[in-house]
N, C-alpha and C. Protein backbone atom coordinates (compact mmCIF):
# COMPACT_ATOMS: atom_id res chain seq x y z
N MET A 1 102.65 87.86 115.54
CA MET A 1 103.48 88.91 114.96
C MET A 1 102.83 90.28 115.18
N PRO A 2 103.62 91.27 115.62
CA PRO A 2 103.06 92.61 115.74
C PRO A 2 102.89 93.25 114.36
N LYS A 3 102.03 94.25 114.32
CA LYS A 3 101.81 94.96 113.05
C LYS A 3 103.06 95.75 112.69
N ASN A 4 103.26 95.93 111.37
CA ASN A 4 104.35 96.80 110.91
C ASN A 4 103.91 98.24 111.00
N LYS A 5 104.84 99.12 111.36
CA LYS A 5 104.53 100.55 111.43
C LYS A 5 104.93 101.23 110.12
N THR A 6 104.08 102.16 109.69
CA THR A 6 104.44 102.93 108.50
C THR A 6 105.49 103.96 108.88
N HIS A 7 106.31 104.35 107.94
CA HIS A 7 107.34 105.36 108.14
C HIS A 7 106.65 106.72 108.16
N SER A 8 106.58 107.37 109.32
CA SER A 8 105.77 108.58 109.46
C SER A 8 106.29 109.73 108.61
N GLY A 9 107.61 109.82 108.41
CA GLY A 9 108.17 110.87 107.57
C GLY A 9 107.74 110.73 106.13
N THR A 10 107.71 109.50 105.65
CA THR A 10 107.28 109.25 104.26
C THR A 10 105.79 109.48 104.10
N SER A 11 105.01 109.08 105.11
CA SER A 11 103.56 109.23 105.00
C SER A 11 103.14 110.69 104.97
N LYS A 12 103.97 111.58 105.55
CA LYS A 12 103.67 113.01 105.51
C LYS A 12 103.99 113.60 104.15
N ARG A 13 104.91 112.98 103.41
CA ARG A 13 105.38 113.55 102.15
C ARG A 13 104.72 112.97 100.91
N VAL A 14 104.15 111.78 101.02
CA VAL A 14 103.64 111.08 99.84
C VAL A 14 102.18 110.72 100.06
N ARG A 15 101.36 110.92 99.03
CA ARG A 15 99.95 110.54 99.07
C ARG A 15 99.71 109.41 98.07
N VAL A 16 98.83 108.50 98.44
CA VAL A 16 98.49 107.39 97.55
C VAL A 16 97.14 107.70 96.91
N THR A 17 97.07 107.60 95.59
CA THR A 17 95.82 107.88 94.88
C THR A 17 94.90 106.67 94.97
N GLY A 18 93.70 106.82 94.46
CA GLY A 18 92.73 105.74 94.48
C GLY A 18 93.20 104.52 93.71
N LYS A 19 93.97 104.76 92.64
CA LYS A 19 94.47 103.64 91.84
C LYS A 19 95.79 103.08 92.36
N GLY A 20 96.29 103.67 93.46
CA GLY A 20 97.52 103.15 94.07
C GLY A 20 98.80 103.83 93.61
N LYS A 21 98.66 104.89 92.81
CA LYS A 21 99.86 105.61 92.40
C LYS A 21 100.33 106.52 93.53
N LEU A 22 101.61 106.87 93.52
CA LEU A 22 102.18 107.71 94.56
C LEU A 22 102.41 109.12 94.01
N ARG A 23 101.94 110.13 94.74
CA ARG A 23 102.10 111.52 94.34
C ARG A 23 102.87 112.26 95.42
N ARG A 24 103.71 113.21 94.99
CA ARG A 24 104.49 114.01 95.92
C ARG A 24 104.47 115.46 95.50
N GLN A 25 104.77 116.35 96.47
CA GLN A 25 104.86 117.77 96.19
C GLN A 25 106.15 118.04 95.43
N GLN A 26 106.13 118.98 94.49
CA GLN A 26 107.34 119.33 93.76
C GLN A 26 108.26 120.17 94.63
N THR A 27 109.56 120.06 94.37
CA THR A 27 110.53 120.78 95.19
C THR A 27 110.72 122.21 94.68
N GLY A 28 111.31 123.03 95.54
CA GLY A 28 111.69 124.38 95.14
C GLY A 28 110.66 125.45 95.44
N LEU A 29 109.72 125.17 96.34
CA LEU A 29 108.66 126.14 96.60
C LEU A 29 108.63 126.56 98.07
N ARG A 30 109.76 126.44 98.76
CA ARG A 30 109.80 126.75 100.19
C ARG A 30 110.48 128.08 100.51
N HIS A 31 111.51 128.42 99.79
CA HIS A 31 112.19 129.69 100.08
C HIS A 31 112.77 130.29 98.81
N LYS A 32 113.27 131.52 98.94
CA LYS A 32 113.79 132.30 97.81
C LYS A 32 112.73 132.49 96.73
N LEU A 33 111.51 132.72 97.17
CA LEU A 33 110.41 132.86 96.21
C LEU A 33 110.43 134.23 95.53
N GLU A 34 111.07 135.21 96.15
CA GLU A 34 111.14 136.55 95.53
C GLU A 34 111.93 136.51 94.23
N LYS A 35 112.92 135.65 94.16
CA LYS A 35 113.76 135.56 92.96
C LYS A 35 113.09 134.77 91.85
N LYS A 36 112.17 133.89 92.21
CA LYS A 36 111.53 133.05 91.21
C LYS A 36 110.37 133.79 90.56
N SER A 37 110.21 133.59 89.26
CA SER A 37 109.13 134.25 88.54
C SER A 37 107.80 133.58 88.89
N SER A 38 106.73 134.32 88.68
CA SER A 38 105.39 133.79 88.94
C SER A 38 105.13 132.55 88.10
N ARG A 39 105.70 132.56 86.90
CA ARG A 39 105.55 131.42 86.00
C ARG A 39 106.13 130.15 86.62
N VAL A 40 107.29 130.29 87.25
CA VAL A 40 107.95 129.14 87.87
C VAL A 40 107.17 128.66 89.08
N THR A 41 106.72 129.59 89.94
CA THR A 41 106.01 129.19 91.14
C THR A 41 104.68 128.51 90.80
N ARG A 42 104.02 128.95 89.73
CA ARG A 42 102.79 128.28 89.29
C ARG A 42 103.10 126.87 88.80
N ARG A 43 104.20 126.73 88.08
CA ARG A 43 104.56 125.41 87.56
C ARG A 43 104.88 124.43 88.68
N LEU A 44 105.46 124.96 89.75
CA LEU A 44 105.86 124.10 90.87
C LEU A 44 104.69 123.75 91.79
N SER A 45 103.59 124.49 91.70
CA SER A 45 102.46 124.19 92.57
C SER A 45 101.82 122.88 92.12
N GLY A 46 101.15 122.22 93.03
CA GLY A 46 100.51 120.95 92.71
C GLY A 46 101.46 119.79 92.90
N THR A 47 100.96 118.60 92.65
CA THR A 47 101.74 117.39 92.90
C THR A 47 102.21 116.76 91.60
N GLU A 48 103.15 115.84 91.75
CA GLU A 48 103.69 115.13 90.59
C GLU A 48 103.87 113.67 90.98
N GLU A 49 103.83 112.80 90.00
CA GLU A 49 103.96 111.37 90.28
C GLU A 49 105.39 111.05 90.70
N LEU A 50 105.53 110.11 91.62
CA LEU A 50 106.83 109.71 92.12
C LEU A 50 107.63 109.03 91.01
N ALA A 51 108.95 109.22 91.03
CA ALA A 51 109.80 108.60 90.02
C ALA A 51 109.69 107.08 90.10
N LYS A 52 109.72 106.44 88.94
CA LYS A 52 109.53 104.99 88.87
C LYS A 52 110.57 104.24 89.70
N ALA A 53 111.80 104.78 89.76
CA ALA A 53 112.88 104.12 90.49
C ALA A 53 112.63 104.11 92.00
N ASP A 54 111.83 105.07 92.50
CA ASP A 54 111.61 105.19 93.95
C ASP A 54 110.35 104.47 94.44
N VAL A 55 109.49 104.06 93.52
CA VAL A 55 108.17 103.55 93.91
C VAL A 55 108.28 102.34 94.82
N LYS A 56 109.10 101.38 94.48
CA LYS A 56 109.20 100.15 95.26
C LYS A 56 109.64 100.43 96.70
N ARG A 57 110.66 101.29 96.83
CA ARG A 57 111.20 101.62 98.15
C ARG A 57 110.18 102.37 99.02
N VAL A 58 109.48 103.33 98.41
CA VAL A 58 108.53 104.14 99.16
C VAL A 58 107.30 103.31 99.56
N LYS A 59 106.85 102.43 98.67
CA LYS A 59 105.72 101.58 99.02
C LYS A 59 106.04 100.69 100.22
N LYS A 60 107.28 100.24 100.30
CA LYS A 60 107.72 99.42 101.43
C LYS A 60 107.68 100.24 102.72
N LEU A 61 108.12 101.50 102.63
CA LEU A 61 108.09 102.37 103.81
C LEU A 61 106.66 102.67 104.26
N LEU A 62 105.73 102.70 103.31
CA LEU A 62 104.34 102.98 103.65
C LEU A 62 103.59 101.72 104.07
N GLY A 63 104.26 100.58 104.00
CA GLY A 63 103.62 99.33 104.40
C GLY A 63 102.61 98.82 103.40
N ARG A 64 102.89 99.05 102.10
CA ARG A 64 101.99 98.59 101.03
C ARG A 64 102.66 97.54 100.17
């Protein structure tokens, strides 16, 4: 059997922590930043844990 390939689009968007949790970048920080307050842009910076409903599907795409 050949090896399974990971989904490259998903691997670019999601990071796996040491304990196996999935983290992703928060949305809304790519454009129209002039209209958003500094408070909002600070809140959106950093990563957040993936929604519980998506974990199973994304782990499959990552080959885990």
